Amino acid sequence: MKIKKAVITAAGPTQQHLPLQTLVSPNGTTKTVVAFILDEIFASGIESAAIVIAPGTEQAFSSAVANHLDKVIFIEQAAPKGYGHAILCARDFTGDDPFLVMMGDHLYLSFAKESCVRQLLNFASQANGPVSAVQPTHESKLPFYGTVAASPVGGTQGLYDVSHIIEKPTPTIAEQELIVPGLRSGSYLCFFGIHVLTAPVMEYLDQAFTEKADLPLTPSLAAAAKSEKYLACEIEGLRFNIEESYGLLRAQLGMALSGEGRDEVMGYMIELIAATRS
């Protein structure tokens, strides 16, 4: 598949503000979180992006996307009805095309030569259905992530054929239903927060949506796994959920320690730890 479009969700109660926060990049440039995300998207070959926003925030986001405004459209989610509904709001934009999905409150730091988004797109270019980025994750963190049952695809390191998906499973359920051959005991494949989705997923979301309840994404992904070829690929990198406590700080430290000022930052951290030791 050739992926030309991206959808960024930024309409949730916290997402309205977090993507507008600023960080210093590894090369010393200050930019907003959403600008970081768009930089990675467009550097990976994506041609256009839709940002799903809350009503009344378009002006702030227009200012925050830096020099990407000509490649971006804004789509309002009238009310916060869930992650899946935010994606569904972009249905007219995505049409029948496959598309990349990212969250506006997550940043990524790659350990490989290519960005985390580019790693996923490389796998997706060889696929004909949804592809989700995953990472082996300790069972203690299962309450935070969607988790997949999958089997390795022969001949391709880090690629898996997904058979089942459960949102935030308990360790007991995971042990019964989500074991992946080759992973160490107590580890499972959890979503990394980046997906390539297809038009049928939008159909599943549309069928599941009601006005009475929030619409999650995972059940529609589980439906896709049962009806079409669904792949998962391991990503070499870190993700930073800036909504978590100290998430923005961790993201900034990750950026700083991967850049030219690493030694300076390390020295400052050692001084600070020594000065604040109780």
C-alpha atoms as a PDB file:
ATOM      1  CA  MET A   1       0.000   0.000   0.000  1.00  0.00           C
ATOM      2  CA  LYS A   2       1.051   3.565  -0.668  1.00  0.00           C
ATOM      3  CA  ILE A   3       0.187   5.728   2.334  1.00  0.00           C
ATOM      4  CA  LYS A   4      -0.357   9.389   1.426  1.00  0.00           C
ATOM      5  CA  LYS A   5      -2.691  10.609   4.183  1.00  0.00           C
ATOM      6  CA  ALA A   6      -2.453  10.924   7.953  1.00  0.00           C
ATOM      7  CA  VAL A   7      -4.969  11.582  10.706  1.00  0.00           C
ATOM      8  CA  ILE A   8      -3.879  13.131  14.014  1.00  0.00           C
ATOM      9  CA  THR A   9      -6.329  13.054  16.904  1.00  0.00           C
ATOM     10  CA  ALA A  10      -6.191  16.167  19.073  1.00  0.00           C
ATOM     11  CA  ALA A  11      -9.754  16.797  20.255  1.00  0.00           C
ATOM     12  CA  GLY A  12      -9.857  15.124  23.664  1.00  0.00           C
ATOM     13  CA  PRO A  13     -10.147  17.262  26.809  1.00  0.00           C
ATOM     14  CA  THR A  14      -6.364  17.124  27.422  1.00  0.00           C
ATOM     15  CA  GLN A  15      -5.331  16.869  23.770  1.00  0.00           C
ATOM     16  CA  GLN A  16      -6.710  20.339  23.135  1.00  0.00           C
ATOM     17  CA  HIS A  17      -3.709  21.801  24.959  1.00  0.00           C
ATOM     18  CA  LEU A  18      -0.857  19.288  25.026  1.00  0.00           C
ATOM     19  CA  PRO A  19      -0.060  19.344  21.274  1.00  0.00           C
ATOM     20  CA  LEU A  20       0.426  23.103  21.593  1.00  0.00           C
ATOM     21  CA  GLN A  21       3.197  22.777  24.190  1.00  0.00           C
ATOM     22  CA  THR A  22       6.749  23.503  23.055  1.00  0.00           C
ATOM     23  CA  LEU A  23       9.899  21.405  23.266  1.00  0.00           C
ATOM     24  CA  VAL A  24      13.496  21.798  22.138  1.00  0.00           C
ATOM     25  CA  SER A  25      14.485  19.371  19.389  1.00  0.00           C
ATOM     26  CA  PRO A  26      17.773  17.399  19.401  1.00  0.00           C
ATOM     27  CA  ASN A  27      19.309  20.077  17.149  1.00  0.00           C
ATOM     28  CA  GLY A  28      18.232  22.905  19.452  1.00  0.00           C
ATOM     29  CA  THR A  29      15.160  24.153  17.584  1.00  0.00           C
ATOM     30  CA  THR A  30      12.095  25.044  19.644  1.00  0.00           C
ATOM     31  CA  LYS A  31       8.763  23.868  18.235  1.00  0.00           C
ATOM     32  CA  THR A  32       5.348  22.656  19.319  1.00  0.00           C
ATOM     33  CA  VAL A  33       4.475  19.008  19.910  1.00  0.00           C
ATOM     34  CA  VAL A  34       2.140  19.002  16.899  1.00  0.00           C
ATOM     35  CA  ALA A  35       4.921  20.462  14.739  1.00  0.00           C
ATOM     36  CA  PHE A  36       7.217  17.613  15.848  1.00  0.00           C
ATOM     37  CA  ILE A  37       4.531  15.119  14.815  1.00  0.00           C
ATOM     38  CA  LEU A  38       3.983  16.772  11.439  1.00  0.00           C
ATOM     39  CA  ASP A  39       7.730  16.958  10.791  1.00  0.00           C
ATOM     40  CA  GLU A  40       7.987  13.199  11.239  1.00  0.00           C
ATOM     41  CA  ILE A  41       4.886  12.519   9.143  1.00  0.00           C
ATOM     42  CA  PHE A  42       5.850  14.611   6.148  1.00  0.00           C
ATOM     43  CA  ALA A  43       9.513  13.590   6.247  1.00  0.00           C
ATOM     44  CA  SER A  44       8.254  10.003   5.879  1.00  0.00           C
ATOM     45  CA  GLY A  45       6.510  10.707   2.575  1.00  0.00           C
ATOM     46  CA  ILE A  46       2.975  11.497   3.727  1.00  0.00           C
ATOM     47  CA  GLU A  47       1.447  14.202   1.511  1.00  0.00           C
ATOM     48  CA  SER A  48      -1.438  15.573   3.609  1.00  0.00           C
ATOM     49  CA  ALA A  49      -2.770  15.388   7.157  1.00  0.00           C
ATOM     50  CA  ALA A  50      -6.061  15.998   8.923  1.00  0.00           C
ATOM     51  CA  ILE A  51      -5.951  17.110  12.550  1.00  0.00           C
ATOM     52  CA  VAL A  52      -9.122  16.314  14.471  1.00  0.00           C
ATOM     53  CA  ILE A  53      -9.641  19.163  16.927  1.00  0.00           C
ATOM     54  CA  ALA A  54     -12.178  20.445  19.443  1.00  0.00           C
ATOM     55  CA  PRO A  55     -14.445  23.342  18.476  1.00  0.00           C
ATOM     56  CA  GLY A  56     -12.841  26.733  18.957  1.00  0.00           C
ATOM     57  CA  THR A  57      -9.213  25.559  18.776  1.00  0.00           C
ATOM     58  CA  GLU A  58      -8.460  25.906  15.061  1.00  0.00           C
ATOM     59  CA  GLN A  59      -6.700  29.257  15.382  1.00  0.00           C
ATOM     60  CA  ALA A  60      -4.356  27.950  18.065  1.00  0.00           C
ATOM     61  CA  PHE A  61      -3.523  24.843  16.036  1.00  0.00           C
ATOM     62  CA  SER A  62      -3.058  26.869  12.846  1.00  0.00           C
ATOM     63  CA  SER A  63      -0.363  28.851  14.627  1.00  0.00           C
ATOM     64  CA  ALA A  64       1.216  25.708  16.105  1.00  0.00           C
ATOM     65  CA  VAL A  65       1.730  23.689  12.903  1.00  0.00           C
ATOM     66  CA  ALA A  66       4.572  25.992  11.813  1.00  0.00           C
ATOM     67  CA  ASN A  67       5.369  25.735   8.087  1.00  0.00           C
ATOM     68  CA  HIS A  68       3.013  22.797   7.449  1.00  0.00           C
ATOM     69  CA  LEU A  69      -0.232  24.738   7.171  1.00  0.00           C
ATOM     70  CA  ASP A  70      -0.541  24.208   3.414  1.00  0.00           C
ATOM     71  CA  LYS A  71      -0.556  20.405   3.920  1.00  0.00           C
ATOM     72  CA  VAL A  72      -3.003  20.317   6.837  1.00  0.00           C
ATOM     73  CA  ILE A  73      -6.767  20.495   7.215  1.00  0.00           C
ATOM     74  CA  PHE A  74      -8.670  20.769  10.482  1.00  0.00           C
ATOM     75  CA  ILE A  75     -11.735  18.671  11.281  1.00  0.00           C
ATOM     76  CA  GLU A  76     -13.851  19.446  14.324  1.00  0.00           C
ATOM     77  CA  GLN A  77     -15.089  16.717  16.635  1.00  0.00           C
ATOM     78  CA  ALA A  78     -18.180  18.449  17.987  1.00  0.00           C
ATOM     79  CA  ALA A  79     -18.088  16.531  21.287  1.00  0.00           C
ATOM     80  CA  PRO A  80     -15.475  14.206  22.837  1.00  0.00           C
ATOM     81  CA  LYS A  81     -17.020  10.837  21.990  1.00  0.00           C
ATOM     82  CA  GLY A  82     -13.913   8.668  22.112  1.00  0.00           C
ATOM     83  CA  TYR A  83     -10.730   7.912  20.192  1.00  0.00           C
ATOM     84  CA  GLY A  84     -12.530   5.820  17.601  1.00  0.00           C
ATOM     85  CA  HIS A  85     -15.065   8.569  16.962  1.00  0.00           C
ATOM     86  CA  ALA A  86     -12.267  11.117  16.508  1.00  0.00           C
ATOM     87  CA  ILE A  87     -10.836   8.947  13.739  1.00  0.00           C
ATOM     88  CA  LEU A  88     -14.290   8.421  12.240  1.00  0.00           C
ATOM     89  CA  CYS A  89     -14.688  12.213  11.984  1.00  0.00           C
ATOM     90  CA  ALA A  90     -11.963  12.132   9.303  1.00  0.00           C
ATOM     91  CA  ARG A  91     -13.822   9.643   7.093  1.00  0.00           C
ATOM     92  CA  ASP A  92     -14.516  12.125   4.292  1.00  0.00           C
ATOM     93  CA  PHE A  93     -10.822  13.048   4.259  1.00  0.00           C
ATOM     94  CA  THR A  94      -9.522   9.472   4.108  1.00  0.00           C
ATOM     95  CA  GLY A  95     -12.157   8.146   1.693  1.00  0.00           C
ATOM     96  CA  ASP A  96     -11.196   4.735   0.331  1.00  0.00           C
ATOM     97  CA  ASP A  97      -7.484   5.280   0.950  1.00  0.00           C
ATOM     98  CA  PRO A  98      -5.319   3.679   3.637  1.00  0.00           C
ATOM     99  CA  PHE A  99      -4.092   6.228   6.149  1.00  0.00           C
ATOM    100  CA  LEU A 100      -1.675   6.732   9.027  1.00  0.00           C
ATOM    101  CA  VAL A 101      -3.093   7.437  12.502  1.00  0.00           C
ATOM    102  CA  MET A 102      -1.202   9.215  15.264  1.00  0.00           C
ATOM    103  CA  MET A 103      -2.220  10.758  18.579  1.00  0.00           C
ATOM    104  CA  GLY A 104      -1.588  14.412  19.262  1.00  0.00           C
ATOM    105  CA  ASP A 105      -0.272  13.759  22.759  1.00  0.00           C
ATOM    106  CA  HIS A 106       2.437  11.209  21.833  1.00  0.00           C
ATOM    107  CA  LEU A 107       5.984  11.821  20.641  1.00  0.00           C
ATOM    108  CA  TYR A 108       8.480   9.263  19.362  1.00  0.00           C
ATOM    109  CA  LEU A 109      12.233   8.824  19.435  1.00  0.00           C
ATOM    110  CA  SER A 110      13.712   6.282  17.041  1.00  0.00           C
ATOM    111  CA  PHE A 111      16.639   4.001  17.848  1.00  0.00           C
ATOM    112  CA  ALA A 112      17.059   3.174  14.159  1.00  0.00           C
ATOM    113  CA  LYS A 113      18.280   5.217  11.187  1.00  0.00           C
ATOM    114  CA  GLU A 114      14.677   5.790  10.147  1.00  0.00           C
ATOM    115  CA  SER A 115      11.944   7.446  12.195  1.00  0.00           C
ATOM    116  CA  CYS A 116       9.296   5.388  13.979  1.00  0.00           C
ATOM    117  CA  VAL A 117       6.698   6.459  11.404  1.00  0.00           C
ATOM    118  CA  ARG A 118       8.969   5.512   8.506  1.00  0.00           C
ATOM    119  CA  GLN A 119       9.590   2.101  10.067  1.00  0.00           C
ATOM    120  CA  LEU A 120       5.833   1.456  10.154  1.00  0.00           C
ATOM    121  CA  LEU A 121       5.295   2.731   6.614  1.00  0.00           C
ATOM    122  CA  ASN A 122       8.023   0.427   5.337  1.00  0.00           C
ATOM    123  CA  PHE A 123       6.073  -2.568   6.639  1.00  0.00           C
ATOM    124  CA  ALA A 124       2.745  -1.144   5.445  1.00  0.00           C
ATOM    125  CA  SER A 125       4.056  -0.690   1.901  1.00  0.00           C
ATOM    126  CA  GLN A 126       4.149  -4.495   1.618  1.00  0.00           C
ATOM    127  CA  ALA A 127       0.696  -5.056   3.158  1.00  0.00           C
ATOM    128  CA  ASN A 128      -2.882  -4.967   1.923  1.00  0.00           C
ATOM    129  CA  GLY A 129      -4.635  -4.452   5.268  1.00  0.00           C
ATOM    130  CA  PRO A 130      -4.179  -2.682   8.606  1.00  0.00           C
ATOM    131  CA  VAL A 131      -0.725  -2.571  10.189  1.00  0.00           C
ATOM    132  CA  SER A 132      -0.139  -1.510  13.792  1.00  0.00           C
ATOM    133  CA  ALA A 133       3.126  -0.618  15.467  1.00  0.00           C
ATOM    134  CA  VAL A 134       3.777  -2.687  18.599  1.00  0.00           C
ATOM    135  CA  GLN A 135       6.454  -3.256  21.210  1.00  0.00           C
ATOM    136  CA  PRO A 136       7.096  -6.090  23.666  1.00  0.00           C
ATOM    137  CA  THR A 137       5.709  -4.804  26.960  1.00  0.00           C
ATOM    138  CA  HIS A 138       5.878  -6.152  30.510  1.00  0.00           C
ATOM    139  CA  GLU A 139       2.606  -7.460  31.907  1.00  0.00           C
ATOM    140  CA  SER A 140       2.608  -4.767  34.610  1.00  0.00           C
ATOM    141  CA  LYS A 141       1.742  -2.212  31.905  1.00  0.00           C
ATOM    142  CA  LEU A 142      -1.109  -4.160  30.307  1.00  0.00           C
ATOM    143  CA  PRO A 143      -3.765  -1.912  31.947  1.00  0.00           C
ATOM    144  CA  PHE A 144      -2.587   0.947  29.729  1.00  0.00           C
ATOM    145  CA  TYR A 145      -2.538  -0.562  26.227  1.00  0.00           C
ATOM    146  CA  GLY A 146      -4.345  -2.537  23.592  1.00  0.00           C
ATOM    147  CA  THR A 147      -2.636  -5.925  23.248  1.00  0.00           C
ATOM    148  CA  VAL A 148      -2.503  -8.387  20.366  1.00  0.00           C
ATOM    149  CA  ALA A 149      -2.336 -12.133  19.940  1.00  0.00           C
ATOM    150  CA  ALA A 150      -0.114 -12.835  16.963  1.00  0.00           C
ATOM    151  CA  SER A 151       2.260 -15.249  15.321  1.00  0.00           C
ATOM    152  CA  PRO A 152       5.600 -14.344  13.702  1.00  0.00           C
ATOM    153  CA  VAL A 153       5.626 -13.981   9.929  1.00  0.00           C
ATOM    154  CA  GLY A 154       8.360 -16.223   8.605  1.00  0.00           C
ATOM    155  CA  GLY A 155      11.281 -14.511   6.904  1.00  0.00           C
ATOM    156  CA  THR A 156      10.590 -11.013   8.266  1.00  0.00           C
ATOM    157  CA  GLN A 157      12.055 -10.048  11.608  1.00  0.00           C
ATOM    158  CA  GLY A 158       9.655  -8.156  13.852  1.00  0.00           C
ATOM    159  CA  LEU A 159       6.539  -8.764  11.737  1.00  0.00           C
ATOM    160  CA  TYR A 160       3.484 -10.576  13.112  1.00  0.00           C
ATOM    161  CA  ASP A 161       0.154 -11.855  11.814  1.00  0.00           C
ATOM    162  CA  VAL A 162      -2.530 -10.584  14.234  1.00  0.00           C
ATOM    163  CA  SER A 163      -5.365 -12.926  15.186  1.00  0.00           C
ATOM    164  CA  HIS A 164      -6.931 -11.253  18.221  1.00  0.00           C
ATOM    165  CA  ILE A 165      -6.882  -7.886  20.018  1.00  0.00           C
ATOM    166  CA  ILE A 166      -7.981  -6.984  23.543  1.00  0.00           C
ATOM    167  CA  GLU A 167      -8.011  -3.496  25.049  1.00  0.00           C
ATOM    168  CA  LYS A 168      -6.205  -3.257  28.400  1.00  0.00           C
ATOM    169  CA  PRO A 169      -6.375  -6.959  29.338  1.00  0.00           C
ATOM    170  CA  THR A 170      -5.669  -8.324  32.783  1.00  0.00           C
ATOM    171  CA  PRO A 171      -2.514 -10.453  33.133  1.00  0.00           C
ATOM    172  CA  THR A 172      -4.738 -13.528  33.543  1.00  0.00           C
ATOM    173  CA  ILE A 173      -6.620 -12.864  30.293  1.00  0.00           C
ATOM    174  CA  ALA A 174      -3.355 -12.046  28.525  1.00  0.00           C
ATOM    175  CA  GLU A 175      -1.789 -15.318  29.644  1.00  0.00           C
ATOM    176  CA  GLN A 176      -4.806 -17.233  28.382  1.00  0.00           C
ATOM    177  CA  GLU A 177      -5.388 -15.464  25.065  1.00  0.00           C
ATOM    178  CA  LEU A 178      -2.479 -13.223  24.061  1.00  0.00           C
ATOM    179  CA  ILE A 179       0.710 -15.275  24.247  1.00  0.00           C
ATOM    180  CA  VAL A 180       3.041 -14.557  21.309  1.00  0.00           C
ATOM    181  CA  PRO A 181       5.614 -17.223  20.380  1.00  0.00           C
ATOM    182  CA  GLY A 182       9.167 -16.018  20.889  1.00  0.00           C
ATOM    183  CA  LEU A 183       8.490 -13.359  23.525  1.00  0.00           C
ATOM    184  CA  ARG A 184       9.962 -13.776  26.975  1.00  0.00           C
ATOM    185  CA  SER A 185       7.642 -14.895  29.761  1.00  0.00           C
ATOM    186  CA  GLY A 186       5.511 -12.043  31.122  1.00  0.00           C
ATOM    187  CA  SER A 187       5.862  -9.912  27.967  1.00  0.00           C
ATOM    188  CA  TYR A 188       3.156  -9.172  25.419  1.00  0.00           C
ATOM    189  CA  LEU A 189       2.837  -7.206  22.189  1.00  0.00           C
ATOM    190  CA  CYS A 190       1.152  -3.914  23.016  1.00  0.00           C
ATOM    191  CA  PHE A 191       0.180  -1.076  20.708  1.00  0.00           C
ATOM    192  CA  PHE A 192       2.802   1.624  20.218  1.00  0.00           C
ATOM    193  CA  GLY A 193       0.269   4.333  19.310  1.00  0.00           C
ATOM    194  CA  ILE A 194       0.809   4.442  15.521  1.00  0.00           C
ATOM    195  CA  HIS A 195      -1.397   2.607  13.039  1.00  0.00           C
ATOM    196  CA  VAL A 196      -1.956   2.318   9.310  1.00  0.00           C
ATOM    197  CA  LEU A 197      -5.684   1.733   8.870  1.00  0.00           C
ATOM    198  CA  THR A 198      -7.888   0.978   5.882  1.00  0.00           C
ATOM    199  CA  ALA A 199     -11.379   1.919   4.700  1.00  0.00           C
ATOM    200  CA  PRO A 200     -12.988  -1.239   6.189  1.00  0.00           C
ATOM    201  CA  VAL A 201     -11.883  -0.094   9.658  1.00  0.00           C
ATOM    202  CA  MET A 202     -13.871   3.094   9.099  1.00  0.00           C
ATOM    203  CA  GLU A 203     -16.852   0.901   8.244  1.00  0.00           C
ATOM    204  CA  TYR A 204     -16.506  -0.996  11.521  1.00  0.00           C
ATOM    205  CA  LEU A 205     -16.273   2.282  13.433  1.00  0.00           C
ATOM    206  CA  ASP A 206     -19.361   3.638  11.696  1.00  0.00           C
ATOM    207  CA  GLN A 207     -21.349   0.485  12.452  1.00  0.00           C
ATOM    208  CA  ALA A 208     -20.324   0.572  16.127  1.00  0.00           C
ATOM    209  CA  PHE A 209     -21.029   4.261  16.741  1.00  0.00           C
ATOM    210  CA  THR A 210     -23.999   5.341  18.832  1.00  0.00           C
ATOM    211  CA  GLU A 211     -24.789   8.736  20.336  1.00  0.00           C
ATOM    212  CA  LYS A 212     -25.124   7.196  23.805  1.00  0.00           C
ATOM    213  CA  ALA A 213     -21.549   6.051  24.428  1.00  0.00           C
ATOM    214  CA  ASP A 214     -17.955   6.892  23.577  1.00  0.00           C
ATOM    215  CA  LEU A 215     -16.548   4.989  20.617  1.00  0.00           C
ATOM    216  CA  PRO A 216     -13.177   3.281  21.230  1.00  0.00           C
ATOM    217  CA  LEU A 217     -10.894   2.129  18.414  1.00  0.00           C
ATOM    218  CA  THR A 218      -9.813  -1.326  19.611  1.00  0.00           C
ATOM    219  CA  PRO A 219     -13.089  -3.243  18.999  1.00  0.00           C
ATOM    220  CA  SER A 220     -13.051  -2.146  15.354  1.00  0.00           C
ATOM    221  CA  LEU A 221      -9.427  -3.248  15.049  1.00  0.00           C
ATOM    222  CA  ALA A 222     -10.410  -6.596  16.546  1.00  0.00           C
ATOM    223  CA  ALA A 223     -13.152  -6.888  13.924  1.00  0.00           C
ATOM    224  CA  ALA A 224     -10.617  -6.141  11.200  1.00  0.00           C
ATOM    225  CA  ALA A 225      -8.292  -8.840  12.533  1.00  0.00           C
ATOM    226  CA  LYS A 226     -11.060 -11.404  12.072  1.00  0.00           C
ATOM    227  CA  SER A 227     -12.003 -10.377   8.544  1.00  0.00           C
ATOM    228  CA  GLU A 228      -8.808  -9.301   6.750  1.00  0.00           C
ATOM    229  CA  LYS A 229      -5.033  -9.660   6.876  1.00  0.00           C
ATOM    230  CA  TYR A 230      -3.911  -7.626   9.876  1.00  0.00           C
ATOM    231  CA  LEU A 231      -0.207  -7.208  10.643  1.00  0.00           C
ATOM    232  CA  ALA A 232       1.763  -5.846  13.575  1.00  0.00           C
ATOM    233  CA  CYS A 233       5.374  -4.709  13.410  1.00  0.00           C
ATOM    234  CA  GLU A 234       7.893  -4.089  16.148  1.00  0.00           C
ATOM    235  CA  ILE A 235       9.253  -0.547  16.247  1.00  0.00           C
ATOM    236  CA  GLU A 236      12.764   0.335  17.329  1.00  0.00           C
ATOM    237  CA  GLY A 237      12.236   3.393  19.471  1.00  0.00           C
ATOM    238  CA  LEU A 238      10.627   5.039  22.469  1.00  0.00           C
ATOM    239  CA  ARG A 239       7.269   6.706  22.812  1.00  0.00           C
ATOM    240  CA  PHE A 240       6.423   9.517  25.197  1.00  0.00           C
ATOM    241  CA  ASN A 241       2.836   9.987  26.324  1.00  0.00           C
ATOM    242  CA  ILE A 242       2.937  13.625  27.341  1.00  0.00           C
ATOM    243  CA  GLU A 243      -0.426  13.311  29.083  1.00  0.00           C
ATOM    244  CA  GLU A 244       1.186  11.196  31.819  1.00  0.00           C
ATOM    245  CA  SER A 245       2.766  12.737  34.884  1.00  0.00           C
ATOM    246  CA  TYR A 246       6.105  14.231  33.830  1.00  0.00           C
ATOM    247  CA  GLY A 247       5.402  13.018  30.301  1.00  0.00           C
ATOM    248  CA  LEU A 248       6.432  16.310  28.747  1.00  0.00           C
ATOM    249  CA  LEU A 249       9.596  16.332  30.874  1.00  0.00           C
ATOM    250  CA  ARG A 250      10.479  12.782  29.822  1.00  0.00           C
ATOM    251  CA  ALA A 251       9.947  13.710  26.183  1.00  0.00           C
ATOM    252  CA  GLN A 252      12.197  16.733  26.543  1.00  0.00           C
ATOM    253  CA  LEU A 253      14.907  14.700  28.249  1.00  0.00           C
ATOM    254  CA  GLY A 254      14.686  12.095  25.493  1.00  0.00           C
ATOM    255  CA  MET A 255      15.120  14.774  22.845  1.00  0.00           C
ATOM    256  CA  ALA A 256      17.985  16.424  24.712  1.00  0.00           C
ATOM    257  CA  LEU A 257      19.881  13.205  25.369  1.00  0.00           C
ATOM    258  CA  SER A 258      19.682  12.197  21.707  1.00  0.00           C
ATOM    259  CA  GLY A 259      21.108  15.496  20.468  1.00  0.00           C
ATOM    260  CA  GLU A 260      24.383  17.375  20.282  1.00  0.00           C
ATOM    261  CA  GLY A 261      23.973  18.736  23.815  1.00  0.00           C
ATOM    262  CA  ARG A 262      23.854  15.289  25.443  1.00  0.00           C
ATOM    263  CA  ASP A 263      27.001  15.757  27.553  1.00  0.00           C
ATOM    264  CA  GLU A 264      25.883  19.186  28.744  1.00  0.00           C
ATOM    265  CA  VAL A 265      22.457  17.877  29.707  1.00  0.00           C
ATOM    266  CA  MET A 266      23.951  14.858  31.494  1.00  0.00           C
ATOM    267  CA  GLY A 267      26.261  17.137  33.461  1.00  0.00           C
ATOM    268  CA  TYR A 268      23.385  19.367  34.484  1.00  0.00           C
ATOM    269  CA  MET A 269      21.286  16.376  35.556  1.00  0.00           C
ATOM    270  CA  ILE A 270      24.106  15.063  37.753  1.00  0.00           C
ATOM    271  CA  GLU A 271      24.499  18.483  39.371  1.00  0.00           C
ATOM    272  CA  LEU A 272      20.760  18.765  39.947  1.00  0.00           C
ATOM    273  CA  ILE A 273      20.516  15.287  41.470  1.00  0.00           C
ATOM    274  CA  ALA A 274      23.426  16.058  43.797  1.00  0.00           C
ATOM    275  CA  ALA A 275      21.964  19.433  44.789  1.00  0.00           C
ATOM    276  CA  THR A 276      18.485  18.100  45.536  1.00  0.00           C
ATOM    277  CA  ARG A 277      19.488  14.902  47.342  1.00  0.00           C
ATOM    278  CA  SER A 278      17.660  14.729  50.648  1.00  0.00           C
END
